[in-house]
Amino acid sequence: MKVHILDDWFDTLRGLPCFDLLTDHEVTVWTDHEPDPAALAARLVEADCVVLFRERTHVTRDLLERLPNLRLISQRGAWPHVDVDACTDAGVLLCSNKGADGANYAAAELTFALILSAMRQLPQQMASVKAGGWQMGVGRTLRGRTLGLYGYGRIGRVVAEYARAFGMEVVWWASEAGRARAQADGETVAPSRAAFFAESDVVSLHQRLTPETRGIVTAEDLARMGPKSVLVNTSRAGLIAPGALLDGLNAGCPGMAAIDVFDSEPLRDPADPLLAHPNLIATPHIGFVTEDEFDKQFADIFAQVNAYAQGAPIHMVNPSVYGQ
């Protein structure tokens, strides 16, 4: 098959072991992002299969209508960026291993790196010493402080392990079902949502973005956080109500935020009010961006490509189109 891989910005995949899975296919790797549907369609006009790099490209009805040869879209994880109904109407099969085993350790590690960076003012201290200013302030240790984890999932549980190794207390908040699972596992669940935000020194978000969780963290939640508290978000920007984080930082609650995700990505405007805020530490959505995580994820994705080519597709999202 003619397989096109989108948005491999640093041309990483060709150097990973998983790439050998595509030996029997004609592969084109695109190392830049093309936002214009017409220009993107011109690139992909001969593609039988498109491989998506997480959510870097949105697959719309307009794009699909321009790709008459497309038969398969292969990716991993959730698919809020893909119009599944349009795929079905176009006869394009979407395959995605949403329930892949194992935690995303790369995302968990970045989460804890951001916690440390915020509590010890690492970006500011680094900038100060490089500018000849030496120390610029006084940080805070983690031992004895409380980490609030919102969302009882695999990544959050790994972050909890790291926190305990640093001597932190861990408290949870989640959906009713998530809180029940946490309690059954012997974890500490906050007595209330209000107490969770008010009593945590650091709050880290670990929820999937769904219609039900969009905007689940409200301005009222953030207002309960203390002036020395830190909000960390390596999940999805849409979990926080629009404008609430910037308003909260301007009001001093939370005192600092450390985030890896934005409402609009890639964000390249240094004057963006949130990005430019002095109390924001930011990374450019690199939670999953390690060679190890890429190899694990794309081994799944390329296995889906091969399964389809062999006539036995796996992880089908819209199986009704198969065989049309």
Protein backbone atom coordinates (compact mmCIF):
# COMPACT_ATOMS: atom_id res chain seq x y z
CA MET A 1 0.00 0.00 0.00
CA LYS A 2 0.96 3.63 -0.40
CA VAL A 3 1.33 4.77 3.19
CA HIS A 4 1.70 8.44 4.07
CA ILE A 5 2.82 9.44 7.58
CA LEU A 6 1.87 12.96 8.63
CA ASP A 7 3.56 15.46 10.93
CA ASP A 8 6.76 13.60 11.86
CA TRP A 9 8.34 16.99 12.54
CA PHE A 10 11.84 15.74 13.39
CA ASP A 11 11.87 12.78 10.97
CA THR A 12 12.18 10.46 13.95
CA LEU A 13 10.23 7.38 12.89
CA ARG A 14 12.56 6.25 10.12
CA GLY A 15 15.30 5.72 12.69
CA LEU A 16 13.23 3.61 15.10
CA PRO A 17 12.91 -0.21 15.15
CA CYS A 18 9.16 -0.03 14.53
CA PHE A 19 9.70 1.43 11.05
CA ASP A 20 10.82 -1.99 9.81
CA LEU A 21 7.17 -3.05 10.06
CA LEU A 22 6.47 -0.99 6.93
CA THR A 23 9.06 -2.74 4.74
CA ASP A 24 6.42 -4.13 2.39
CA HIS A 25 4.77 -0.75 1.76
CA GLU A 26 5.58 2.36 -0.25
CA VAL A 27 6.07 4.92 2.52
CA THR A 28 6.12 8.71 2.37
CA VAL A 29 6.96 10.65 5.51
CA TRP A 30 5.92 14.30 5.79
CA THR A 31 8.08 16.23 8.24
CA ASP A 32 6.12 19.48 8.28
CA HIS A 33 2.54 20.38 9.11
CA GLU A 34 0.20 21.42 6.30
CA PRO A 35 -2.88 23.15 7.77
CA ASP A 36 -4.64 23.90 4.47
CA PRO A 37 -7.04 21.04 3.51
CA ALA A 38 -6.59 21.60 -0.23
CA ALA A 39 -2.79 21.57 -0.04
CA LEU A 40 -2.85 18.57 2.29
CA ALA A 41 -5.18 16.70 -0.05
CA ALA A 42 -2.81 17.38 -2.95
CA ARG A 43 -0.04 15.71 -0.95
CA LEU A 44 -2.17 12.71 -0.10
CA VAL A 45 -4.07 12.23 -3.37
CA GLU A 46 -2.39 8.86 -4.07
CA ALA A 47 -2.43 7.59 -0.48
CA ASP A 48 -4.11 4.27 0.33
CA CYS A 49 -3.36 4.74 4.01
CA VAL A 50 -2.69 7.78 6.18
CA VAL A 51 -0.88 7.40 9.50
CA LEU A 52 -1.67 10.13 12.02
CA PHE A 53 0.79 11.48 14.55
CA ARG A 54 -1.57 11.77 17.52
CA GLU A 55 -3.79 14.85 17.07
CA ARG A 56 -1.48 17.02 15.00
CA THR A 57 -3.79 16.94 11.96
CA HIS A 58 -7.59 17.15 11.95
CA VAL A 59 -9.32 14.79 9.55
CA THR A 60 -12.41 16.59 8.29
CA ARG A 61 -15.15 15.76 5.82
CA ASP A 62 -13.71 18.34 3.44
CA LEU A 63 -10.32 16.60 3.46
CA LEU A 64 -11.79 13.12 3.04
CA GLU A 65 -13.89 14.17 0.07
CA ARG A 66 -10.67 15.12 -1.72
CA LEU A 67 -9.02 11.71 -1.17
CA PRO A 68 -10.79 9.12 -3.37
CA ASN A 69 -8.00 6.53 -3.02
CA LEU A 70 -7.87 6.57 0.78
CA ARG A 71 -8.95 3.30 2.41
CA LEU A 72 -7.36 3.35 5.87
CA ILE A 73 -6.45 5.80 8.63
CA SER A 74 -4.22 4.30 11.32
CA GLN A 75 -3.43 5.95 14.64
CA ARG A 76 -3.31 5.25 18.40
CA GLY A 77 -5.38 6.59 21.26
CA ALA A 78 -8.58 8.63 21.23
CA TRP A 79 -9.79 10.36 18.06
CA PRO A 80 -11.44 13.72 18.82
CA HIS A 81 -9.55 15.10 15.78
CA VAL A 82 -11.15 12.65 13.34
CA ASP A 83 -14.66 12.99 11.87
CA VAL A 84 -15.63 9.34 12.17
CA ASP A 85 -19.02 9.80 10.48
CA ALA A 86 -17.29 11.39 7.51
CA CYS A 87 -14.84 8.47 7.40
CA THR A 88 -17.74 6.04 7.34
CA ASP A 89 -19.53 7.98 4.59
CA ALA A 90 -16.32 8.00 2.54
CA GLY A 91 -15.71 4.28 3.07
CA VAL A 92 -12.49 4.93 5.02
CA LEU A 93 -11.69 2.58 7.88
CA LEU A 94 -10.31 4.18 11.04
CA CYS A 95 -8.16 1.91 13.20
CA SER A 96 -6.92 3.03 16.61
CA ASN A 97 -5.65 1.06 19.57
CA LYS A 98 -7.34 3.21 22.17
CA GLY A 99 -7.02 0.60 24.90
CA ALA A 100 -3.29 -0.01 24.50
CA ASP A 101 -1.69 -1.62 27.53
CA GLY A 102 0.71 0.19 29.78
CA ALA A 103 1.06 3.71 31.07
CA ASN A 104 2.59 6.53 29.09
CA TYR A 105 5.72 6.87 31.20
CA ALA A 106 7.00 9.71 29.02
CA ALA A 107 3.97 11.83 29.93
CA ALA A 108 4.25 10.87 33.60
CA GLU A 109 7.93 11.83 33.67
CA LEU A 110 7.24 15.19 32.05
CA THR A 111 4.46 15.82 34.53
CA PHE A 112 6.81 15.37 37.43
CA ALA A 113 9.52 17.39 35.73
CA LEU A 114 7.05 20.27 35.47
CA ILE A 115 6.13 19.89 39.13
CA LEU A 116 9.78 20.15 40.10
CA SER A 117 10.36 23.03 37.69
CA ALA A 118 7.52 25.04 39.16
CA MET A 119 8.27 24.36 42.81
CA ARG A 120 11.98 25.09 42.41
CA GLN A 121 11.55 27.92 39.85
CA LEU A 122 13.96 26.12 37.53
CA PRO A 123 13.30 28.05 34.29
CA GLN A 124 13.57 31.37 36.10
CA GLN A 125 16.71 30.35 38.01
CA MET A 126 18.34 29.10 34.80
CA ALA A 127 17.52 32.33 32.97
CA SER A 128 18.86 34.38 35.87
CA VAL A 129 22.22 32.61 36.09
CA LYS A 130 22.71 32.72 32.32
CA ALA A 131 22.02 36.45 32.43
CA GLY A 132 24.57 36.98 35.19
CA GLY A 133 21.98 37.52 37.89
CA TRP A 134 22.69 34.40 39.99
CA GLN A 135 19.80 33.45 42.33
CA MET A 136 16.45 35.08 41.63
CA GLY A 137 14.20 33.69 44.37
CA VAL A 138 13.48 30.95 46.90
CA GLY A 139 11.84 27.69 45.88
CA ARG A 140 9.97 25.08 47.91
CA THR A 141 10.69 21.43 48.64
CA LEU A 142 8.21 18.69 47.75
CA ARG A 143 8.57 16.51 50.85
CA GLY A 144 5.57 16.86 53.12
CA ARG A 145 3.48 18.71 50.57
CA THR A 146 0.25 17.46 48.98
CA LEU A 147 -0.13 16.47 45.34
CA GLY A 148 -3.72 16.41 44.13
CA LEU A 149 -4.25 14.17 41.11
CA TYR A 150 -7.43 14.74 39.12
CA GLY A 151 -8.34 11.57 37.24
CA TYR A 152 -7.67 8.04 38.46
CA GLY A 153 -5.92 6.57 35.42
CA ARG A 154 -2.65 4.90 34.47
CA ILE A 155 -0.58 8.06 34.04
CA GLY A 156 -1.84 9.56 37.27
CA ARG A 157 -0.96 6.41 39.18
CA VAL A 158 2.62 6.53 37.87
CA VAL A 159 2.89 10.20 38.86
CA ALA A 160 1.66 9.19 42.32
CA GLU A 161 4.56 6.71 42.60
CA TYR A 162 7.05 9.44 41.75
CA ALA A 163 5.45 11.82 44.25
CA ARG A 164 5.64 9.30 47.07
CA ALA A 165 9.30 8.70 46.30
CA PHE A 166 9.80 12.43 46.97
CA GLY A 167 7.89 12.23 50.25
CA MET A 168 4.69 13.88 49.04
CA GLU A 169 1.19 13.09 50.24
CA VAL A 170 -1.15 12.08 47.39
CA VAL A 171 -4.86 12.82 47.27
CA TRP A 172 -7.26 12.08 44.42
CA TRP A 173 -10.34 13.48 42.73
CA ALA A 174 -12.10 11.95 39.74
CA SER A 175 -15.49 10.89 38.47
CA GLU A 176 -17.68 9.03 40.93
CA ALA A 177 -16.55 5.73 39.42
CA GLY A 178 -12.89 6.83 39.48
CA ARG A 179 -13.14 7.84 43.13
CA ALA A 180 -14.68 4.47 43.95
CA ARG A 181 -11.79 2.65 42.23
CA ALA A 182 -9.27 4.79 44.08
CA GLN A 183 -10.88 4.05 47.44
CA ALA A 184 -11.05 0.34 46.62
CA ASP A 185 -7.30 0.45 45.95
CA GLY A 186 -6.70 2.03 49.36
CA GLU A 187 -5.96 5.51 48.01
CA THR A 188 -6.87 8.78 49.72
CA VAL A 189 -9.77 10.59 48.07
CA ALA A 190 -10.49 14.20 48.98
CA PRO A 191 -13.63 14.66 51.10
CA SER A 192 -15.00 17.06 48.49
CA ARG A 193 -14.13 18.71 45.22
CA ALA A 194 -13.71 22.04 47.02
CA ALA A 195 -11.29 20.52 49.53
CA PHE A 196 -9.30 18.86 46.73
CA PHE A 197 -8.50 22.19 45.08
CA ALA A 198 -8.16 24.19 48.29
CA GLU A 199 -5.86 21.80 50.15
CA SER A 200 -3.51 20.58 47.40
CA ASP A 201 -0.16 22.32 47.02
CA VAL A 202 0.02 20.97 43.46
CA VAL A 203 -2.92 19.90 41.31
CA SER A 204 -2.14 17.80 38.23
CA LEU A 205 -4.79 16.95 35.63
CA HIS A 206 -4.98 13.44 34.18
CA GLN A 207 -8.30 13.13 32.38
CA ARG A 208 -9.17 12.20 28.81
CA LEU A 209 -10.79 15.04 26.89
CA THR A 210 -14.35 14.03 26.04
CA PRO A 211 -17.57 16.02 25.66
CA GLU A 212 -18.23 15.23 29.33
CA THR A 213 -14.82 16.39 30.59
CA ARG A 214 -14.43 19.49 28.43
CA GLY A 215 -14.22 22.50 30.75
CA ILE A 216 -14.47 20.24 33.81
CA VAL A 217 -12.00 22.43 35.73
CA THR A 218 -13.81 25.71 36.30
CA ALA A 219 -12.85 29.21 37.34
CA GLU A 220 -14.44 28.45 40.70
CA ASP A 221 -12.14 25.45 41.14
CA LEU A 222 -9.05 27.53 40.41
CA ALA A 223 -10.20 30.31 42.71
CA ARG A 224 -10.05 27.84 45.59
CA MET A 225 -6.34 27.18 45.00
CA GLY A 226 -3.88 28.99 47.23
CA PRO A 227 -1.55 31.79 46.12
CA LYS A 228 1.47 29.45 46.38
CA SER A 229 -0.21 26.51 44.66
CA VAL A 230 0.70 25.08 41.26
CA LEU A 231 -1.59 23.75 38.54
CA VAL A 232 -0.03 21.23 36.14
CA ASN A 233 -1.68 20.12 32.90
CA THR A 234 -0.04 17.59 30.60
CA SER A 235 -3.36 16.14 29.45
CA ARG A 236 -5.49 18.49 27.33
CA ALA A 237 -6.04 22.23 27.47
CA GLY A 238 -9.78 21.75 26.94
CA LEU A 239 -10.16 20.24 30.40
CA ILE A 240 -9.98 23.79 31.77
CA ALA A 241 -12.86 26.17 31.09
CA PRO A 242 -12.01 28.73 28.37
CA GLY A 243 -10.05 31.67 29.79
CA ALA A 244 -10.14 30.32 33.35
CA LEU A 245 -6.43 29.59 33.66
CA LEU A 246 -5.31 33.03 32.48
CA ASP A 247 -7.88 34.71 34.73
CA GLY A 248 -6.75 32.56 37.63
CA LEU A 249 -3.09 33.39 37.15
CA ASN A 250 -3.93 37.08 36.90
CA ALA A 251 -5.84 36.78 40.18
CA GLY A 252 -3.00 34.85 41.84
CA CYS A 253 -4.90 31.57 42.24
CA PRO A 254 -3.17 29.36 41.38
CA GLY A 255 0.13 31.06 42.02
CA MET A 256 1.79 29.28 39.14
CA ALA A 257 0.88 26.93 36.30
CA ALA A 258 3.04 24.47 34.40
CA ILE A 259 1.45 23.20 31.21
CA ASP A 260 2.30 21.17 28.13
CA VAL A 261 -0.96 21.75 26.23
CA PHE A 262 -2.74 24.74 24.72
CA ASP A 263 -6.14 25.42 23.16
CA SER A 264 -4.50 26.18 19.81
CA GLU A 265 -1.43 24.21 18.73
CA PRO A 266 1.20 24.79 17.61
CA LEU A 267 1.25 28.10 19.47
CA ARG A 268 3.96 30.30 18.04
CA ASP A 269 2.92 33.74 19.27
CA PRO A 270 5.29 34.82 22.08
CA ALA A 271 2.88 37.65 22.89
CA ASP A 272 -0.02 35.27 23.61
CA PRO A 273 -1.33 36.41 27.03
CA LEU A 274 -1.21 32.95 28.58
CA LEU A 275 2.11 31.89 27.08
CA ALA A 276 3.72 35.21 28.06
CA HIS A 277 2.41 35.18 31.62
CA PRO A 278 5.29 35.45 34.12
CA ASN A 279 3.79 32.76 36.33
CA LEU A 280 3.45 30.19 33.56
CA ILE A 281 5.97 27.47 32.77
CA ALA A 282 5.30 25.98 29.35
CA THR A 283 6.50 23.13 27.17
CA PRO A 284 5.33 22.58 23.54
CA HIS A 285 3.18 19.43 23.91
CA ILE A 286 6.12 17.07 24.42
CA GLY A 287 4.48 14.75 26.93
CA PHE A 288 4.69 11.78 24.56
CA VAL A 289 7.69 13.03 22.57
CA THR A 290 10.42 10.51 23.37
CA GLU A 291 11.99 7.92 21.08
CA ASP A 292 10.90 5.15 23.43
CA GLU A 293 7.25 6.25 23.48
CA PHE A 294 7.19 6.79 19.72
CA ASP A 295 8.54 3.29 19.08
CA LYS A 296 5.92 1.74 21.35
CA GLN A 297 3.02 3.72 19.91
CA PHE A 298 3.95 3.40 16.25
CA ALA A 299 4.61 -0.31 16.55
CA ASP A 300 0.88 -0.53 17.32
CA ILE A 301 -0.02 1.82 14.48
CA PHE A 302 2.10 0.03 11.87
CA ALA A 303 0.75 -3.34 13.05
CA GLN A 304 -2.72 -2.01 12.22
CA VAL A 305 -1.51 -1.11 8.72
CA ASN A 306 -0.17 -4.62 8.18
CA ALA A 307 -3.28 -6.27 9.58
CA TYR A 308 -5.40 -4.33 7.11
CA ALA A 309 -3.09 -5.20 4.22
CA GLN A 310 -3.37 -8.86 5.18
CA GLY A 311 -7.17 -8.72 5.15
CA ALA A 312 -7.66 -8.99 8.91
CA PRO A 313 -7.94 -5.44 10.27
CA ILE A 314 -7.71 -4.83 14.02
CA HIS A 315 -8.81 -2.07 16.39
CA MET A 316 -11.55 -0.92 14.01
CA VAL A 317 -13.44 2.19 15.11
CA ASN A 318 -16.03 2.08 12.29
CA PRO A 319 -16.02 -1.60 11.22
CA SER A 320 -19.14 -1.24 9.09
CA VAL A 321 -17.07 0.23 6.25
CA TYR A 322 -14.71 -2.73 5.99
CA GLY A 323 -15.36 -4.69 2.81
CA GLN A 324 -17.25 -1.88 1.04
